[in-house]
């Protein structure tokens, strides 16, 4: 994956999929809650390359909740 940096934000040029186990490791087992949106919780994490990330976890998998999740 190539990384672009613009306006102080880092963005991966391609989406990358992670397993649940990888997400648990990235977030240190969902240790630091940094937000609570209408459709999910947001946790602090750090990738192996040192980049900090926010990981959002859907609260309930319902059609309306999943639409809100994507919109947020």
C-alpha atoms as a PDB file:
ATOM      1  CA  UNK A   1       0.000   0.000   0.000  1.00  0.00           C
ATOM      2  CA  UNK A   2       1.148   3.482  -0.807  1.00  0.00           C
ATOM      3  CA  UNK A   3       0.499   6.222   1.723  1.00  0.00           C
ATOM      4  CA  UNK A   4      -0.551   9.751   0.775  1.00  0.00           C
ATOM      5  CA  UNK A   5      -0.259  12.663   3.164  1.00  0.00           C
ATOM      6  CA  UNK A   6      -2.366  15.744   2.687  1.00  0.00           C
ATOM      7  CA  UNK A   7      -3.489  18.458   5.088  1.00  0.00           C
ATOM      8  CA  UNK A   8      -1.918  16.658   8.051  1.00  0.00           C
ATOM      9  CA  UNK A   9      -3.840  13.431   7.400  1.00  0.00           C
ATOM     10  CA  UNK A  10      -2.424  10.132   6.273  1.00  0.00           C
ATOM     11  CA  UNK A  11      -4.563   8.084   3.937  1.00  0.00           C
ATOM     12  CA  UNK A  12      -3.918   4.670   2.460  1.00  0.00           C
ATOM     13  CA  UNK A  13      -4.355   4.677  -1.297  1.00  0.00           C
ATOM     14  CA  UNK A  14      -5.881   1.202  -1.130  1.00  0.00           C
ATOM     15  CA  UNK A  15      -8.211  -0.281   1.444  1.00  0.00           C
ATOM     16  CA  UNK A  16      -6.696  -2.964   3.594  1.00  0.00           C
ATOM     17  CA  UNK A  17      -8.662  -5.704   5.302  1.00  0.00           C
ATOM     18  CA  UNK A  18      -7.746  -6.934   8.779  1.00  0.00           C
ATOM     19  CA  UNK A  19      -8.824 -10.004  10.711  1.00  0.00           C
ATOM     20  CA  UNK A  20     -10.468  -9.653  14.106  1.00  0.00           C
ATOM     21  CA  UNK A  21      -7.261 -10.921  15.715  1.00  0.00           C
ATOM     22  CA  UNK A  22      -5.222  -8.248  13.907  1.00  0.00           C
ATOM     23  CA  UNK A  23      -7.674  -5.518  14.993  1.00  0.00           C
ATOM     24  CA  UNK A  24      -7.508  -6.750  18.595  1.00  0.00           C
ATOM     25  CA  UNK A  25      -3.703  -6.524  18.431  1.00  0.00           C
ATOM     26  CA  UNK A  26      -3.750  -3.070  16.767  1.00  0.00           C
ATOM     27  CA  UNK A  27      -6.068  -1.737  19.503  1.00  0.00           C
ATOM     28  CA  UNK A  28      -4.385  -3.654  22.337  1.00  0.00           C
ATOM     29  CA  UNK A  29      -7.601  -5.613  22.826  1.00  0.00           C
ATOM     30  CA  UNK A  30      -9.808  -2.508  22.452  1.00  0.00           C
ATOM     31  CA  UNK A  31      -8.115  -0.869  25.434  1.00  0.00           C
ATOM     32  CA  UNK A  32      -8.646   2.850  24.689  1.00  0.00           C
ATOM     33  CA  UNK A  33     -12.166   4.021  23.810  1.00  0.00           C
ATOM     34  CA  UNK A  34     -11.930   7.390  22.032  1.00  0.00           C
ATOM     35  CA  UNK A  35     -15.499   7.803  20.820  1.00  0.00           C
ATOM     36  CA  UNK A  36     -19.045   6.518  20.936  1.00  0.00           C
ATOM     37  CA  UNK A  37     -21.130   7.291  17.852  1.00  0.00           C
ATOM     38  CA  UNK A  38     -24.733   6.453  17.166  1.00  0.00           C
ATOM     39  CA  UNK A  39     -23.864   3.179  15.491  1.00  0.00           C
ATOM     40  CA  UNK A  40     -20.529   2.161  16.953  1.00  0.00           C
ATOM     41  CA  UNK A  41     -17.619   2.563  19.330  1.00  0.00           C
ATOM     42  CA  UNK A  42     -14.281   4.032  18.212  1.00  0.00           C
ATOM     43  CA  UNK A  43     -11.004   2.728  19.620  1.00  0.00           C
ATOM     44  CA  UNK A  44      -7.443   4.000  19.414  1.00  0.00           C
ATOM     45  CA  UNK A  45      -4.943   1.767  17.685  1.00  0.00           C
ATOM     46  CA  UNK A  46      -1.454   1.721  16.208  1.00  0.00           C
ATOM     47  CA  UNK A  47      -0.398  -0.155  13.076  1.00  0.00           C
ATOM     48  CA  UNK A  48       2.869  -2.099  12.868  1.00  0.00           C
ATOM     49  CA  UNK A  49       4.401   0.782  10.880  1.00  0.00           C
ATOM     50  CA  UNK A  50       3.660   3.185  13.770  1.00  0.00           C
ATOM     51  CA  UNK A  51       0.691   4.991  12.196  1.00  0.00           C
ATOM     52  CA  UNK A  52      -2.065   5.806  14.667  1.00  0.00           C
ATOM     53  CA  UNK A  53      -5.574   4.750  13.642  1.00  0.00           C
ATOM     54  CA  UNK A  54      -9.142   4.964  14.842  1.00  0.00           C
ATOM     55  CA  UNK A  55     -10.994   1.648  14.677  1.00  0.00           C
ATOM     56  CA  UNK A  56     -14.786   1.776  14.614  1.00  0.00           C
ATOM     57  CA  UNK A  57     -16.772  -1.236  15.775  1.00  0.00           C
ATOM     58  CA  UNK A  58     -20.447  -1.536  14.867  1.00  0.00           C
ATOM     59  CA  UNK A  59     -22.745  -1.821  17.922  1.00  0.00           C
ATOM     60  CA  UNK A  60     -25.591  -3.799  16.339  1.00  0.00           C
ATOM     61  CA  UNK A  61     -25.736  -5.197  12.824  1.00  0.00           C
ATOM     62  CA  UNK A  62     -29.095  -3.914  11.627  1.00  0.00           C
ATOM     63  CA  UNK A  63     -29.850  -2.329   8.273  1.00  0.00           C
ATOM     64  CA  UNK A  64     -30.303   1.186   9.712  1.00  0.00           C
ATOM     65  CA  UNK A  65     -27.306   0.817  12.008  1.00  0.00           C
ATOM     66  CA  UNK A  66     -25.073  -0.314   9.174  1.00  0.00           C
ATOM     67  CA  UNK A  67     -26.141   2.681   7.051  1.00  0.00           C
ATOM     68  CA  UNK A  68     -25.343   5.054   9.925  1.00  0.00           C
ATOM     69  CA  UNK A  69     -22.018   3.277  10.464  1.00  0.00           C
ATOM     70  CA  UNK A  70     -20.969   3.862   6.843  1.00  0.00           C
ATOM     71  CA  UNK A  71     -22.194   7.475   6.927  1.00  0.00           C
ATOM     72  CA  UNK A  72     -20.169   8.294  10.028  1.00  0.00           C
END
